[in-house]
């Protein structure tokens, strides 16, 4: 069920201050996690050309069938 940011903001505005801190911490966690995932994806993409020489060779061809 999709919902809008406006609906979420309305719900957040009804929370007591101590729970707002939890919401802030959770949002920070989500943002940090996404940054880490992006860094991992980008690092993997950059390393593919270097590793392709190692991964793609006749000696290891048998592993490709697994």
N, C-alpha and C. Protein backbone atom coordinates (compact mmCIF):
# COMPACT_ATOMS: atom_id res chain seq x y z
N UNK A 1 0.85 -1.17 0.00
CA UNK A 1 0.00 0.00 0.00
C UNK A 1 0.90 1.24 0.00
N UNK A 2 0.93 1.96 -1.10
CA UNK A 2 1.77 3.15 -1.15
C UNK A 2 1.21 4.27 -0.27
N UNK A 3 2.12 5.06 0.24
CA UNK A 3 1.69 6.22 1.03
C UNK A 3 2.64 7.37 0.72
N UNK A 4 2.23 8.54 1.05
CA UNK A 4 3.02 9.72 0.71
C UNK A 4 3.88 10.16 1.88
N UNK A 5 4.88 10.95 1.57
CA UNK A 5 5.73 11.53 2.61
C UNK A 5 4.89 12.39 3.54
N UNK A 6 3.89 13.05 3.00
CA UNK A 6 3.01 13.90 3.82
C UNK A 6 2.31 13.07 4.90
N UNK A 7 1.83 11.89 4.53
CA UNK A 7 1.16 11.02 5.51
C UNK A 7 2.14 10.59 6.60
N UNK A 8 3.35 10.28 6.20
CA UNK A 8 4.36 9.87 7.16
C UNK A 8 4.70 11.03 8.11
N UNK A 9 4.83 12.21 7.57
CA UNK A 9 5.13 13.39 8.39
C UNK A 9 4.01 13.62 9.41
N UNK A 10 2.77 13.46 8.98
CA UNK A 10 1.65 13.64 9.92
C UNK A 10 1.73 12.65 11.07
N UNK A 11 2.08 11.41 10.76
CA UNK A 11 2.21 10.40 11.81
C UNK A 11 3.36 10.74 12.74
N UNK A 12 4.47 11.17 12.18
CA UNK A 12 5.64 11.51 12.99
C UNK A 12 5.33 12.68 13.92
N UNK A 13 4.56 13.63 13.44
CA UNK A 13 4.23 14.82 14.24
C UNK A 13 3.40 14.47 15.47
N UNK A 14 2.78 13.33 15.50
CA UNK A 14 1.97 12.94 16.66
C UNK A 14 2.78 12.23 17.74
N UNK A 15 4.04 11.93 17.45
CA UNK A 15 4.87 11.18 18.40
C UNK A 15 5.46 12.08 19.48
N UNK A 16 5.69 11.51 20.66
CA UNK A 16 6.35 12.28 21.73
C UNK A 16 7.84 12.47 21.39
N UNK A 17 8.48 13.45 22.00
CA UNK A 17 9.88 13.78 21.69
C UNK A 17 10.86 12.61 21.79
N UNK A 18 10.69 11.75 22.78
CA UNK A 18 11.63 10.63 22.91
C UNK A 18 11.53 9.66 21.72
N UNK A 19 10.35 9.52 21.17
CA UNK A 19 10.20 8.66 20.00
C UNK A 19 10.69 9.35 18.73
N UNK A 20 10.65 10.67 18.71
CA UNK A 20 11.19 11.40 17.57
C UNK A 20 12.70 11.16 17.44
N UNK A 21 13.35 11.04 18.58
CA UNK A 21 14.78 10.74 18.56
C UNK A 21 15.02 9.38 17.92
N UNK A 22 14.17 8.42 18.24
CA UNK A 22 14.30 7.09 17.64
C UNK A 22 14.08 7.15 16.14
N UNK A 23 13.11 7.92 15.71
CA UNK A 23 12.83 8.07 14.28
C UNK A 23 14.04 8.69 13.58
N UNK A 24 14.61 9.74 14.18
CA UNK A 24 15.79 10.38 13.60
C UNK A 24 16.94 9.39 13.49
N UNK A 25 17.17 8.61 14.55
CA UNK A 25 18.24 7.62 14.52
C UNK A 25 18.00 6.58 13.43
N UNK A 26 16.75 6.16 13.29
CA UNK A 26 16.44 5.15 12.28
C UNK A 26 16.65 5.71 10.88
N UNK A 27 16.23 6.93 10.64
CA UNK A 27 16.42 7.56 9.33
C UNK A 27 17.92 7.69 9.03
N UNK A 28 18.68 8.10 10.04
CA UNK A 28 20.14 8.20 9.86
C UNK A 28 20.73 6.84 9.51
N UNK A 29 20.25 5.79 10.19
CA UNK A 29 20.72 4.44 9.91
C UNK A 29 20.42 4.04 8.47
N UNK A 30 19.21 4.30 8.01
CA UNK A 30 18.82 3.94 6.64
C UNK A 30 19.69 4.67 5.63
N UNK A 31 19.91 5.95 5.85
CA UNK A 31 20.73 6.74 4.93
C UNK A 31 22.16 6.22 4.91
N UNK A 32 22.72 5.92 6.07
CA UNK A 32 24.09 5.41 6.17
C UNK A 32 24.20 4.05 5.47
N UNK A 33 23.20 3.20 5.69
CA UNK A 33 23.20 1.87 5.07
C UNK A 33 23.19 2.00 3.55
N UNK A 34 22.39 2.91 3.03
CA UNK A 34 22.34 3.09 1.59
C UNK A 34 23.66 3.63 1.05
N UNK A 35 24.29 4.52 1.77
CA UNK A 35 25.60 5.02 1.34
C UNK A 35 26.63 3.89 1.30
N UNK A 36 26.59 3.03 2.31
CA UNK A 36 27.51 1.89 2.35
C UNK A 36 27.24 0.93 1.20
N UNK A 37 25.98 0.69 0.91
CA UNK A 37 25.64 -0.20 -0.20
C UNK A 37 26.08 0.40 -1.53
N UNK A 38 25.90 1.70 -1.69
CA UNK A 38 26.33 2.37 -2.92
C UNK A 38 27.84 2.27 -3.07
N UNK A 39 28.56 2.46 -1.98
CA UNK A 39 30.01 2.34 -2.02
C UNK A 39 30.43 0.93 -2.41
N UNK A 40 29.76 -0.06 -1.86
CA UNK A 40 30.06 -1.46 -2.20
C UNK A 40 29.78 -1.73 -3.67
N UNK A 41 28.63 -1.27 -4.17
CA UNK A 41 28.29 -1.45 -5.59
C UNK A 41 29.32 -0.78 -6.48
N UNK A 42 29.67 0.46 -6.16
CA UNK A 42 30.63 1.20 -6.97
C UNK A 42 32.01 0.54 -6.95
N UNK A 43 32.43 0.09 -5.79
CA UNK A 43 33.73 -0.58 -5.68
C UNK A 43 33.74 -1.87 -6.49
N UNK A 44 32.65 -2.60 -6.43
CA UNK A 44 32.57 -3.84 -7.20
C UNK A 44 32.62 -3.56 -8.69
N UNK A 45 31.90 -2.55 -9.12
CA UNK A 45 31.87 -2.21 -10.55
C UNK A 45 33.25 -1.79 -11.04
N UNK A 46 33.98 -1.06 -10.23
CA UNK A 46 35.31 -0.61 -10.62
C UNK A 46 36.29 -1.78 -10.69
N UNK A 47 36.12 -2.76 -9.85
CA UNK A 47 37.07 -3.87 -9.81
C UNK A 47 36.81 -4.94 -10.87
N UNK A 48 35.66 -4.93 -11.51
CA UNK A 48 35.33 -5.97 -12.50
C UNK A 48 36.38 -6.06 -13.60
N UNK A 49 36.80 -4.97 -14.23
CA UNK A 49 37.80 -5.11 -15.29
C UNK A 49 39.10 -5.75 -14.81
N UNK A 50 39.54 -5.41 -13.63
CA UNK A 50 40.78 -5.99 -13.10
C UNK A 50 40.63 -7.48 -12.85
N UNK A 51 39.52 -7.85 -12.24
CA UNK A 51 39.32 -9.26 -11.91
C UNK A 51 38.92 -10.11 -13.11
N UNK A 52 38.39 -9.50 -14.16
CA UNK A 52 37.95 -10.30 -15.30
C UNK A 52 39.12 -11.04 -15.93
N UNK A 53 40.31 -10.48 -15.87
CA UNK A 53 41.49 -11.18 -16.39
C UNK A 53 41.78 -12.44 -15.57
N UNK A 54 41.50 -12.37 -14.29
CA UNK A 54 41.73 -13.53 -13.41
C UNK A 54 40.58 -14.53 -13.55
N UNK A 55 39.36 -14.02 -13.58
CA UNK A 55 38.19 -14.90 -13.62
C UNK A 55 38.02 -15.59 -14.96
N UNK A 56 38.33 -14.91 -16.02
CA UNK A 56 38.08 -15.44 -17.36
C UNK A 56 39.38 -15.97 -17.96
N UNK A 57 39.67 -17.21 -17.64
CA UNK A 57 40.86 -17.84 -18.22
C UNK A 57 40.56 -19.31 -18.47
N UNK A 58 41.25 -19.90 -19.43
CA UNK A 58 40.96 -21.29 -19.79
C UNK A 58 41.14 -22.28 -18.64
N UNK A 59 42.11 -22.03 -17.77
CA UNK A 59 42.37 -22.97 -16.69
C UNK A 59 41.19 -23.08 -15.72
N UNK A 60 40.47 -22.01 -15.56
CA UNK A 60 39.33 -22.01 -14.64
C UNK A 60 37.99 -22.25 -15.33
N UNK A 61 38.03 -22.57 -16.60
CA UNK A 61 36.80 -22.77 -17.36
C UNK A 61 35.88 -23.83 -16.77
N UNK A 62 36.44 -24.83 -16.14
CA UNK A 62 35.62 -25.89 -15.53
C UNK A 62 34.68 -25.35 -14.46
N UNK A 63 35.12 -24.31 -13.77
CA UNK A 63 34.30 -23.72 -12.71
C UNK A 63 33.10 -22.96 -13.26
N UNK A 64 33.21 -22.52 -14.50
CA UNK A 64 32.09 -21.79 -15.11
C UNK A 64 30.86 -22.68 -15.27
N UNK A 65 31.06 -23.97 -15.39
CA UNK A 65 29.95 -24.90 -15.58
C UNK A 65 29.24 -25.25 -14.27
N UNK A 66 29.81 -24.89 -13.15
CA UNK A 66 29.21 -25.24 -11.86
C UNK A 66 28.01 -24.39 -11.53
